[in-house]
Amino acid sequence: MVFQASCMLAGVSVVYAERPIALVLAYDTLYSVAAKEFDSFEKDPAILDSFPGAYPKLVYVELPETDIAANIAFMRSQFIGDPLYIQTENYRAMPNSYSQATDIYRREGVERRNAPDEIRIKLDESCLFSKYISSATGGFVCFDAARRAISGFFESDEQSPESLIEAPVE
């Protein structure tokens, strides 16, 4: 009985650490970020308490206004091992209207045009389309800004989490 209780407690702690606590739009990708990723990058997940809504919190990474500056910020983050999706100092609350959200989904049109044909024909024009990465899966998602929820998920081998999630540089 003690062994079973210990195993159950261990399982609960693993699930707790793996739970997504934020959905973060960074550049052109929506990341499902688990509690353990904040720890890996030595970031305090308590910052999320200041954002509205239930967990997982819906946030985006504020980027420079021009596309050139945003591209530079994205590339810089890749080279220095400080991925955009974990730059908590640049987190902002995800807007809850389509018109406001289109401003932060700057690469939505590019992502929509570049999506595989079998996905593109299924897309609703009112959704905000982006890549999606979590520790378990990858693909593309449609985000419904008014409902503040993912309205569609499209799995894709092109978006495998193993190849796309940046790991901290040691």
N, C-alpha and C. Protein backbone atom coordinates (compact mmCIF):
# COMPACT_ATOMS: atom_id res chain seq x y z
N MET A 1 0.82 -1.19 0.00
CA MET A 1 0.00 0.00 0.00
C MET A 1 0.87 1.26 0.00
N VAL A 2 1.94 1.25 0.77
CA VAL A 2 2.84 2.41 0.81
C VAL A 2 3.49 2.59 -0.56
N PHE A 3 3.87 1.49 -1.19
CA PHE A 3 4.49 1.56 -2.51
C PHE A 3 3.52 2.16 -3.53
N GLN A 4 2.26 1.73 -3.48
CA GLN A 4 1.26 2.26 -4.41
C GLN A 4 1.04 3.75 -4.19
N ALA A 5 0.97 4.15 -2.95
CA ALA A 5 0.79 5.58 -2.64
C ALA A 5 1.99 6.39 -3.12
N SER A 6 3.20 5.84 -2.96
CA SER A 6 4.41 6.53 -3.42
C SER A 6 4.41 6.68 -4.93
N CYS A 7 4.03 5.62 -5.63
CA CYS A 7 3.96 5.66 -7.09
C CYS A 7 2.92 6.68 -7.56
N MET A 8 1.78 6.68 -6.88
CA MET A 8 0.74 7.63 -7.26
C MET A 8 1.20 9.07 -7.02
N LEU A 9 1.86 9.31 -5.91
CA LEU A 9 2.38 10.64 -5.61
C LEU A 9 3.41 11.06 -6.65
N ALA A 10 4.27 10.14 -7.05
CA ALA A 10 5.28 10.43 -8.08
C ALA A 10 4.60 10.77 -9.40
N GLY A 11 3.58 10.01 -9.75
CA GLY A 11 2.84 10.27 -10.99
C GLY A 11 2.16 11.62 -10.98
N VAL A 12 1.55 11.98 -9.87
CA VAL A 12 0.89 13.27 -9.74
C VAL A 12 1.91 14.40 -9.89
N SER A 13 3.09 14.23 -9.29
CA SER A 13 4.10 15.30 -9.38
C SER A 13 4.61 15.45 -10.81
N VAL A 14 4.73 14.36 -11.55
CA VAL A 14 5.16 14.44 -12.95
C VAL A 14 4.10 15.17 -13.78
N VAL A 15 2.85 14.80 -13.61
CA VAL A 15 1.76 15.44 -14.35
C VAL A 15 1.70 16.93 -14.00
N TYR A 16 1.88 17.25 -12.73
CA TYR A 16 1.83 18.65 -12.29
C TYR A 16 2.94 19.46 -12.96
N ALA A 17 4.15 18.92 -13.04
CA ALA A 17 5.28 19.63 -13.65
C ALA A 17 5.12 19.75 -15.16
N GLU A 18 4.42 18.82 -15.79
CA GLU A 18 4.26 18.81 -17.25
C GLU A 18 3.06 19.62 -17.72
N ARG A 19 2.23 20.07 -16.81
CA ARG A 19 1.00 20.75 -17.21
C ARG A 19 1.33 22.08 -17.90
N PRO A 20 0.59 22.41 -18.95
CA PRO A 20 0.82 23.71 -19.59
C PRO A 20 0.26 24.81 -18.70
N ILE A 21 1.07 25.83 -18.47
CA ILE A 21 0.60 26.95 -17.66
C ILE A 21 0.46 28.23 -18.48
N ALA A 22 0.94 28.17 -19.72
CA ALA A 22 0.81 29.34 -20.60
C ALA A 22 0.75 28.90 -22.05
N LEU A 23 -0.06 29.60 -22.82
CA LEU A 23 -0.03 29.52 -24.27
C LEU A 23 0.54 30.85 -24.72
N VAL A 24 1.72 30.78 -25.33
CA VAL A 24 2.48 31.99 -25.64
C VAL A 24 2.65 32.13 -27.15
N LEU A 25 2.13 33.21 -27.72
CA LEU A 25 2.37 33.51 -29.12
C LEU A 25 3.69 34.27 -29.20
N ALA A 26 4.65 33.68 -29.87
CA ALA A 26 5.96 34.31 -30.05
C ALA A 26 6.31 34.28 -31.53
N TYR A 27 6.34 35.45 -32.12
CA TYR A 27 6.65 35.65 -33.53
C TYR A 27 5.58 34.99 -34.40
N ASP A 28 5.78 33.74 -34.81
CA ASP A 28 4.82 33.09 -35.70
C ASP A 28 4.30 31.77 -35.15
N THR A 29 4.56 31.51 -33.87
CA THR A 29 4.24 30.21 -33.28
C THR A 29 3.55 30.38 -31.94
N LEU A 30 2.53 29.54 -31.71
CA LEU A 30 1.88 29.47 -30.41
C LEU A 30 2.51 28.30 -29.66
N TYR A 31 3.14 28.59 -28.53
CA TYR A 31 3.82 27.57 -27.72
C TYR A 31 2.97 27.24 -26.50
N SER A 32 2.84 25.96 -26.23
CA SER A 32 2.25 25.50 -24.98
C SER A 32 3.43 25.30 -24.03
N VAL A 33 3.52 26.14 -23.00
CA VAL A 33 4.68 26.15 -22.13
C VAL A 33 4.32 25.54 -20.78
N ALA A 34 5.07 24.51 -20.40
CA ALA A 34 4.85 23.80 -19.14
C ALA A 34 5.62 24.48 -18.01
N ALA A 35 5.19 24.20 -16.81
CA ALA A 35 5.84 24.76 -15.62
C ALA A 35 7.33 24.44 -15.60
N LYS A 36 7.69 23.22 -16.00
CA LYS A 36 9.09 22.82 -15.95
C LYS A 36 9.96 23.64 -16.91
N GLU A 37 9.38 24.15 -18.01
CA GLU A 37 10.15 24.97 -18.94
C GLU A 37 10.53 26.30 -18.32
N PHE A 38 9.66 26.87 -17.50
CA PHE A 38 10.02 28.09 -16.79
C PHE A 38 11.21 27.82 -15.89
N ASP A 39 11.17 26.69 -15.20
CA ASP A 39 12.29 26.32 -14.33
C ASP A 39 13.57 26.10 -15.14
N SER A 40 13.48 25.45 -16.28
CA SER A 40 14.64 25.17 -17.12
C SER A 40 15.37 26.45 -17.54
N PHE A 41 14.60 27.49 -17.77
CA PHE A 41 15.18 28.76 -18.21
C PHE A 41 15.34 29.75 -17.05
N GLU A 42 15.15 29.24 -15.84
CA GLU A 42 15.28 30.05 -14.62
C GLU A 42 14.38 31.29 -14.65
N LYS A 43 13.15 31.07 -15.06
CA LYS A 43 12.13 32.12 -15.09
C LYS A 43 11.09 31.82 -14.03
N ASP A 44 10.56 32.85 -13.43
CA ASP A 44 9.56 32.69 -12.38
C ASP A 44 8.17 32.65 -13.00
N PRO A 45 7.49 31.50 -12.91
CA PRO A 45 6.15 31.41 -13.50
C PRO A 45 5.11 32.27 -12.78
N ALA A 46 5.46 32.83 -11.62
CA ALA A 46 4.51 33.68 -10.89
C ALA A 46 4.14 34.92 -11.69
N ILE A 47 4.94 35.29 -12.68
CA ILE A 47 4.61 36.43 -13.54
C ILE A 47 3.25 36.24 -14.20
N LEU A 48 2.87 34.99 -14.41
CA LEU A 48 1.60 34.70 -15.08
C LEU A 48 0.39 35.07 -14.22
N ASP A 49 0.58 35.16 -12.91
CA ASP A 49 -0.53 35.51 -12.03
C ASP A 49 -1.10 36.90 -12.34
N SER A 50 -0.30 37.75 -12.96
CA SER A 50 -0.75 39.11 -13.25
C SER A 50 -1.60 39.20 -14.53
N PHE A 51 -1.76 38.09 -15.23
CA PHE A 51 -2.54 38.10 -16.47
C PHE A 51 -3.95 37.57 -16.21
N PRO A 52 -4.93 38.11 -16.94
CA PRO A 52 -6.33 37.70 -16.71
C PRO A 52 -6.61 36.27 -17.17
N GLY A 53 -7.67 35.73 -16.63
CA GLY A 53 -8.15 34.43 -17.06
C GLY A 53 -7.56 33.27 -16.30
N ALA A 54 -8.11 32.11 -16.61
CA ALA A 54 -7.70 30.87 -15.97
C ALA A 54 -6.42 30.36 -16.62
N TYR A 55 -5.82 29.38 -15.99
CA TYR A 55 -4.66 28.71 -16.57
C TYR A 55 -5.13 27.69 -17.58
N PRO A 56 -4.41 27.48 -18.65
CA PRO A 56 -3.18 28.16 -19.03
C PRO A 56 -3.46 29.60 -19.48
N LYS A 57 -2.57 30.50 -19.07
CA LYS A 57 -2.70 31.91 -19.40
C LYS A 57 -2.43 32.12 -20.88
N LEU A 58 -3.15 33.06 -21.47
CA LEU A 58 -2.98 33.38 -22.89
C LEU A 58 -2.20 34.69 -23.00
N VAL A 59 -0.97 34.58 -23.49
CA VAL A 59 -0.11 35.75 -23.60
C VAL A 59 0.59 35.75 -24.96
N TYR A 60 1.15 36.88 -25.28
CA TYR A 60 1.99 36.98 -26.47
C TYR A 60 3.26 37.72 -26.10
N VAL A 61 4.27 37.56 -26.92
CA VAL A 61 5.54 38.25 -26.71
C VAL A 61 5.51 39.50 -27.56
N GLU A 62 5.60 40.65 -26.89
CA GLU A 62 5.62 41.91 -27.62
C GLU A 62 6.94 42.04 -28.37
N LEU A 63 6.84 42.31 -29.65
CA LEU A 63 8.00 42.46 -30.52
C LEU A 63 8.11 43.89 -31.00
N PRO A 64 9.27 44.27 -31.52
CA PRO A 64 9.40 45.62 -32.08
C PRO A 64 8.35 45.84 -33.18
N GLU A 65 8.02 47.10 -33.43
CA GLU A 65 6.93 47.41 -34.35
C GLU A 65 7.21 47.07 -35.81
N THR A 66 8.43 47.26 -36.27
CA THR A 66 8.70 46.98 -37.68
C THR A 66 8.99 45.50 -37.88
N ASP A 67 8.65 45.01 -39.07
CA ASP A 67 8.90 43.60 -39.37
C ASP A 67 10.39 43.28 -39.35
N ILE A 68 11.21 44.20 -39.83
CA ILE A 68 12.66 43.97 -39.85
C ILE A 68 13.18 43.82 -38.42
N ALA A 69 12.77 44.73 -37.54
CA ALA A 69 13.22 44.66 -36.14
C ALA A 69 12.69 43.40 -35.45
N ALA A 70 11.46 43.00 -35.77
CA ALA A 70 10.89 41.78 -35.19
C ALA A 70 11.67 40.56 -35.67
N ASN A 71 12.01 40.52 -36.96
CA ASN A 71 12.81 39.42 -37.50
C ASN A 71 14.17 39.35 -36.83
N ILE A 72 14.79 40.50 -36.61
CA ILE A 72 16.09 40.54 -35.94
C ILE A 72 15.96 40.02 -34.51
N ALA A 73 14.93 40.43 -33.80
CA ALA A 73 14.71 39.96 -32.42
C ALA A 73 14.52 38.45 -32.40
N PHE A 74 13.76 37.93 -33.36
CA PHE A 74 13.54 36.49 -33.45
C PHE A 74 14.86 35.75 -33.70
N MET A 75 15.62 36.20 -34.68
CA MET A 75 16.89 35.52 -35.01
C MET A 75 17.89 35.63 -33.86
N ARG A 76 17.94 36.79 -33.23
CA ARG A 76 18.84 36.98 -32.09
C ARG A 76 18.51 36.00 -30.97
N SER A 77 17.24 35.82 -30.71
CA SER A 77 16.82 34.91 -29.63
C SER A 77 17.28 33.48 -29.91
N GLN A 78 17.30 33.10 -31.19
CA GLN A 78 17.73 31.77 -31.57
C GLN A 78 19.23 31.58 -31.33
N PHE A 79 19.99 32.61 -31.66
CA PHE A 79 21.45 32.51 -31.56
C PHE A 79 21.96 32.55 -30.13
N ILE A 80 21.28 33.30 -29.26
CA ILE A 80 21.79 33.44 -27.89
C ILE A 80 21.15 32.46 -26.91
N GLY A 81 20.27 31.60 -27.38
CA GLY A 81 19.67 30.60 -26.51
C GLY A 81 18.66 31.17 -25.53
N ASP A 82 18.00 32.26 -25.91
CA ASP A 82 16.97 32.88 -25.09
C ASP A 82 15.71 32.97 -25.94
N PRO A 83 15.00 31.83 -26.10
CA PRO A 83 13.86 31.81 -27.01
C PRO A 83 12.80 32.86 -26.67
N LEU A 84 12.20 33.40 -27.69
CA LEU A 84 11.17 34.42 -27.49
C LEU A 84 10.07 33.96 -26.56
N TYR A 85 9.65 32.70 -26.70
CA TYR A 85 8.48 32.24 -25.94
C TYR A 85 8.70 32.22 -24.43
N ILE A 86 9.94 32.35 -23.98
CA ILE A 86 10.21 32.34 -22.54
C ILE A 86 10.71 33.70 -22.05
N GLN A 87 10.65 34.70 -22.90
CA GLN A 87 11.07 36.06 -22.50
C GLN A 87 9.91 36.73 -21.77
N THR A 88 9.77 36.37 -20.52
CA THR A 88 8.61 36.79 -19.71
C THR A 88 8.51 38.30 -19.56
N GLU A 89 9.63 39.00 -19.64
CA GLU A 89 9.59 40.46 -19.52
C GLU A 89 8.84 41.12 -20.68
N ASN A 90 8.64 40.38 -21.76
CA ASN A 90 7.93 40.91 -22.93
C ASN A 90 6.52 40.33 -23.06
N TYR A 91 6.04 39.59 -22.07
CA TYR A 91 4.70 39.03 -22.11
C TYR A 91 3.66 40.15 -21.99
N ARG A 92 2.61 40.00 -22.79
CA ARG A 92 1.45 40.89 -22.73
C ARG A 92 0.22 40.00 -22.83
N ALA A 93 -0.89 40.47 -22.28
CA ALA A 93 -2.14 39.71 -22.33
C ALA A 93 -2.66 39.61 -23.76
N MET A 94 -3.08 38.43 -24.13
CA MET A 94 -3.65 38.21 -25.46
C MET A 94 -4.94 39.00 -25.57
N PRO A 95 -5.09 39.79 -26.64
CA PRO A 95 -6.34 40.55 -26.80
C PRO A 95 -7.53 39.62 -27.01
N ASN A 96 -8.72 40.14 -26.73
CA ASN A 96 -9.90 39.29 -26.87
C ASN A 96 -10.82 39.76 -28.00
N SER A 97 -10.25 40.46 -28.95
CA SER A 97 -11.02 40.80 -30.15
C SER A 97 -10.19 40.47 -31.37
N TYR A 98 -10.88 40.10 -32.43
CA TYR A 98 -10.20 39.71 -33.66
C TYR A 98 -9.34 40.85 -34.21
N SER A 99 -9.90 42.06 -34.22
CA SER A 99 -9.16 43.19 -34.81
C SER A 99 -7.88 43.50 -34.04
N GLN A 100 -7.92 43.42 -32.72
CA GLN A 100 -6.70 43.66 -31.93
C GLN A 100 -5.72 42.50 -32.09
N ALA A 101 -6.22 41.29 -32.15
CA ALA A 101 -5.35 40.12 -32.24
C ALA A 101 -4.62 40.07 -33.59
N THR A 102 -5.24 40.57 -34.65
CA THR A 102 -4.57 40.53 -35.95
C THR A 102 -3.28 41.35 -35.93
N ASP A 103 -3.22 42.36 -35.08
CA ASP A 103 -1.99 43.16 -34.97
C ASP A 103 -0.82 42.37 -34.41
N ILE A 104 -1.10 41.42 -33.53
CA ILE A 104 0.00 40.64 -32.94
C ILE A 104 0.27 39.35 -33.71
N TYR A 105 -0.68 38.92 -34.52
CA TYR A 105 -0.48 37.76 -35.40
C TYR A 105 0.04 38.28 -36.75
N ARG A 106 1.16 38.96 -36.73
CA ARG A 106 1.67 39.63 -37.92
C ARG A 106 2.00 38.67 -39.06
N ARG A 107 2.40 37.46 -38.75
CA ARG A 107 2.80 36.52 -39.79
C ARG A 107 1.68 35.53 -40.13
N GLU A 108 0.48 35.84 -39.69
CA GLU A 108 -0.65 34.94 -39.91
C GLU A 108 -0.87 34.68 -41.39
N GLY A 109 -0.84 35.70 -42.20
CA GLY A 109 -1.06 35.54 -43.64
C GLY A 109 0.01 34.67 -44.29
N VAL A 110 1.25 34.86 -43.89
CA VAL A 110 2.36 34.06 -44.41
C VAL A 110 2.18 32.60 -44.01
N GLU A 111 1.87 32.37 -42.74
CA GLU A 111 1.69 31.00 -42.26
C GLU A 111 0.52 30.32 -42.97
N ARG A 112 -0.55 31.06 -43.16
CA ARG A 112 -1.74 30.52 -43.84
C ARG A 112 -1.39 30.13 -45.28
N ARG A 113 -0.69 31.02 -45.99
CA ARG A 113 -0.31 30.73 -47.39
C ARG A 113 0.66 29.56 -47.49
N ASN A 114 1.54 29.40 -46.50
CA ASN A 114 2.55 28.35 -46.54
C ASN A 114 2.09 27.02 -45.95
N ALA A 115 0.91 26.99 -45.40
CA ALA A 115 0.40 25.75 -44.80
C ALA A 115 0.17 24.71 -45.90
N PRO A 116 0.30 23.45 -45.54
CA PRO A 116 0.00 22.40 -46.53
C PRO A 116 -1.43 22.54 -47.05
N ASP A 117 -1.63 22.20 -48.31
CA ASP A 117 -2.95 22.34 -48.95
C ASP A 117 -4.06 21.65 -48.17
N GLU A 118 -3.79 20.44 -47.65
CA GLU A 118 -4.84 19.70 -46.94
C GLU A 118 -5.27 20.41 -45.66
N ILE A 119 -4.44 21.27 -45.12
CA ILE A 119 -4.81 22.06 -43.94
C ILE A 119 -5.49 23.36 -44.40
N ARG A 120 -4.90 24.02 -45.36
CA ARG A 120 -5.39 25.33 -45.80
C ARG A 120 -6.86 25.27 -46.25
N ILE A 121 -7.28 24.19 -46.89
CA ILE A 121 -8.67 24.12 -47.35
C ILE A 121 -9.67 23.96 -46.20
N LYS A 122 -9.20 23.58 -45.04
CA LYS A 122 -10.07 23.40 -43.88
C LYS A 122 -10.16 24.65 -43.00
N LEU A 123 -9.39 25.68 -43.31
CA LEU A 123 -9.31 26.84 -42.42
C LEU A 123 -10.52 27.76 -42.53
N ASP A 124 -10.97 28.17 -41.40
CA ASP A 124 -12.02 29.18 -41.28
C ASP A 124 -11.34 30.54 -41.41
N GLU A 125 -11.93 31.43 -42.18
CA GLU A 125 -11.32 32.75 -42.39
C GLU A 125 -11.27 33.58 -41.10
N SER A 126 -12.12 33.28 -40.15
CA SER A 126 -12.16 34.09 -38.93
C SER A 126 -11.14 33.64 -37.88
N CYS A 127 -10.46 32.53 -38.14
CA CYS A 127 -9.48 32.08 -37.15
C CYS A 127 -8.13 32.72 -37.43
N LEU A 128 -7.34 32.85 -36.39
CA LEU A 128 -5.97 33.33 -36.53
C LEU A 128 -5.08 32.09 -36.55
N PHE A 129 -4.39 31.90 -37.64
CA PHE A 129 -3.66 30.66 -37.93
C PHE A 129 -2.18 30.83 -37.57
N SER A 130 -1.62 29.81 -36.90
CA SER A 130 -0.19 29.85 -36.57
C SER A 130 0.34 28.44 -36.39
N LYS A 131 1.65 28.36 -36.34
CA LYS A 131 2.30 27.10 -35.97
C LYS A 131 1.98 26.87 -34.49
N TYR A 132 2.11 25.62 -34.05
CA TYR A 132 1.86 25.26 -32.65
C TYR A 132 2.90 24.24 -32.22
N ILE A 133 3.46 24.47 -31.04
CA ILE A 133 4.44 23.54 -30.50
C ILE A 133 4.18 23.34 -29.01
N SER A 134 4.16 22.07 -28.61
CA SER A 134 4.14 21.71 -27.19
C SER A 134 5.18 20.62 -27.00
N SER A 135 5.39 20.23 -25.77
CA SER A 135 6.37 19.17 -25.53
C SER A 135 5.88 17.82 -26.06
N ALA A 136 4.57 17.70 -26.32
CA ALA A 136 4.01 16.43 -26.76
C ALA A 136 3.70 16.36 -28.25
N THR A 137 3.40 17.49 -28.87
CA THR A 137 2.98 17.47 -30.27
C THR A 137 3.30 18.78 -30.94
N GLY A 138 3.15 18.79 -32.22
CA GLY A 138 3.35 20.01 -33.00
C GLY A 138 2.41 20.01 -34.17
N GLY A 139 2.19 21.15 -34.72
CA GLY A 139 1.31 21.27 -35.87
C GLY A 139 0.95 22.71 -36.09
N PHE A 140 -0.31 22.92 -36.38
CA PHE A 140 -0.84 24.25 -36.62
C PHE A 140 -2.15 24.38 -35.84
N VAL A 141 -2.48 25.62 -35.48
CA VAL A 141 -3.74 25.85 -34.77
C VAL A 141 -4.46 27.06 -35.34
N CYS A 142 -5.76 27.05 -35.15
CA CYS A 142 -6.59 28.22 -35.37
C CYS A 142 -6.95 28.74 -33.99
N PHE A 143 -6.77 30.03 -33.81
CA PHE A 143 -7.09 30.66 -32.53
C PHE A 143 -8.29 31.57 -32.73
N ASP A 144 -9.30 31.38 -31.89
CA ASP A 144 -10.51 32.21 -31.91
C ASP A 144 -10.31 33.30 -30.86
N ALA A 145 -10.01 34.51 -31.32
CA ALA A 145 -9.70 35.61 -30.40
C ALA A 145 -10.89 36.00 -29.53
N ALA A 146 -12.07 35.98 -30.08
CA ALA A 146 -13.25 36.38 -29.30
C ALA A 146 -13.50 35.40 -28.15
N ARG A 147 -13.32 34.12 -28.39
CA ARG A 147 -13.52 33.11 -27.35
C ARG A 147 -12.25 32.88 -26.53
N ARG A 148 -11.11 33.42 -27.00
CA ARG A 148 -9.81 33.23 -26.35
C ARG A 148 -9.51 31.73 -26.19
N ALA A 149 -9.66 31.02 -27.31
CA ALA A 149 -9.48 29.57 -27.28
C ALA A 149 -8.99 29.08 -28.64
N ILE A 150 -8.33 27.93 -28.60
CA ILE A 150 -7.93 27.27 -29.83
C ILE A 150 -9.18 26.61 -30.41
N SER A 151 -9.48 26.95 -31.66
CA SER A 151 -10.69 26.42 -32.28
C SER A 151 -10.42 25.28 -33.25
N GLY A 152 -9.16 25.04 -33.54
CA GLY A 152 -8.81 23.93 -34.43
C GLY A 152 -7.35 23.57 -34.30
N PHE A 153 -7.06 22.29 -34.38
CA PHE A 153 -5.68 21.79 -34.32
C PHE A 153 -5.43 20.89 -35.52
N PHE A 154 -4.28 21.09 -36.16
CA PHE A 154 -3.90 20.31 -37.33
C PHE A 154 -2.51 19.76 -37.09
N GLU A 155 -2.42 18.47 -36.84
CA GLU A 155 -1.13 17.85 -36.57
C GLU A 155 -0.30 17.83 -37.85
N SER A 156 1.01 17.98 -37.69
CA SER A 156 1.89 18.00 -38.85
C SER A 156 3.25 17.45 -38.48
N ASP A 157 3.79 16.59 -39.34
CA ASP A 157 5.14 16.07 -39.13
C ASP A 157 6.18 17.18 -39.26
N GLU A 158 5.85 18.22 -40.03
CA GLU A 158 6.77 19.33 -40.23
C GLU A 158 7.01 20.11 -38.94
N GLN A 159 6.11 19.99 -38.00
CA GLN A 159 6.19 20.74 -36.75
C GLN A 159 6.46 19.82 -35.56
N SER A 160 7.37 18.88 -35.67
CA SER A 160 7.61 17.97 -34.55
C SER A 160 8.26 18.73 -33.39
N PRO A 161 7.78 18.50 -32.17
CA PRO A 161 8.31 19.24 -31.02
C PRO A 161 9.79 18.98 -30.78
N GLU A 162 10.24 17.79 -31.09
CA GLU A 162 11.65 17.46 -30.84
C GLU A 162 12.58 18.36 -31.65
N SER A 163 12.17 18.72 -32.83
CA SER A 163 13.05 19.52 -33.68
C SER A 163 12.83 21.01 -33.54
N LEU A 164 11.74 21.44 -32.90
CA LEU A 164 11.42 22.84 -32.89
C LEU A 164 11.51 23.54 -31.54
N ILE A 165 11.35 22.82 -30.45
CA ILE A 165 11.42 23.49 -29.15
C ILE A 165 12.88 23.74 -28.81
N GLU A 166 13.17 25.00 -28.55
CA GLU A 166 14.53 25.36 -28.21
C GLU A 166 14.83 24.93 -26.78
N ALA A 167 16.02 24.41 -26.59
CA ALA A 167 16.47 24.01 -25.25
C ALA A 167 17.42 25.08 -24.73
N PRO A 168 17.46 25.26 -23.42
CA PRO A 168 18.36 26.27 -22.87
C PRO A 168 19.81 25.89 -23.15
N VAL A 169 20.60 26.92 -23.41
CA VAL A 169 22.02 26.70 -23.61
C VAL A 169 22.68 26.59 -22.25
N GLU A 170 23.43 25.54 -22.03
CA GLU A 170 24.08 25.32 -20.74
C GLU A 170 25.45 25.95 -20.73
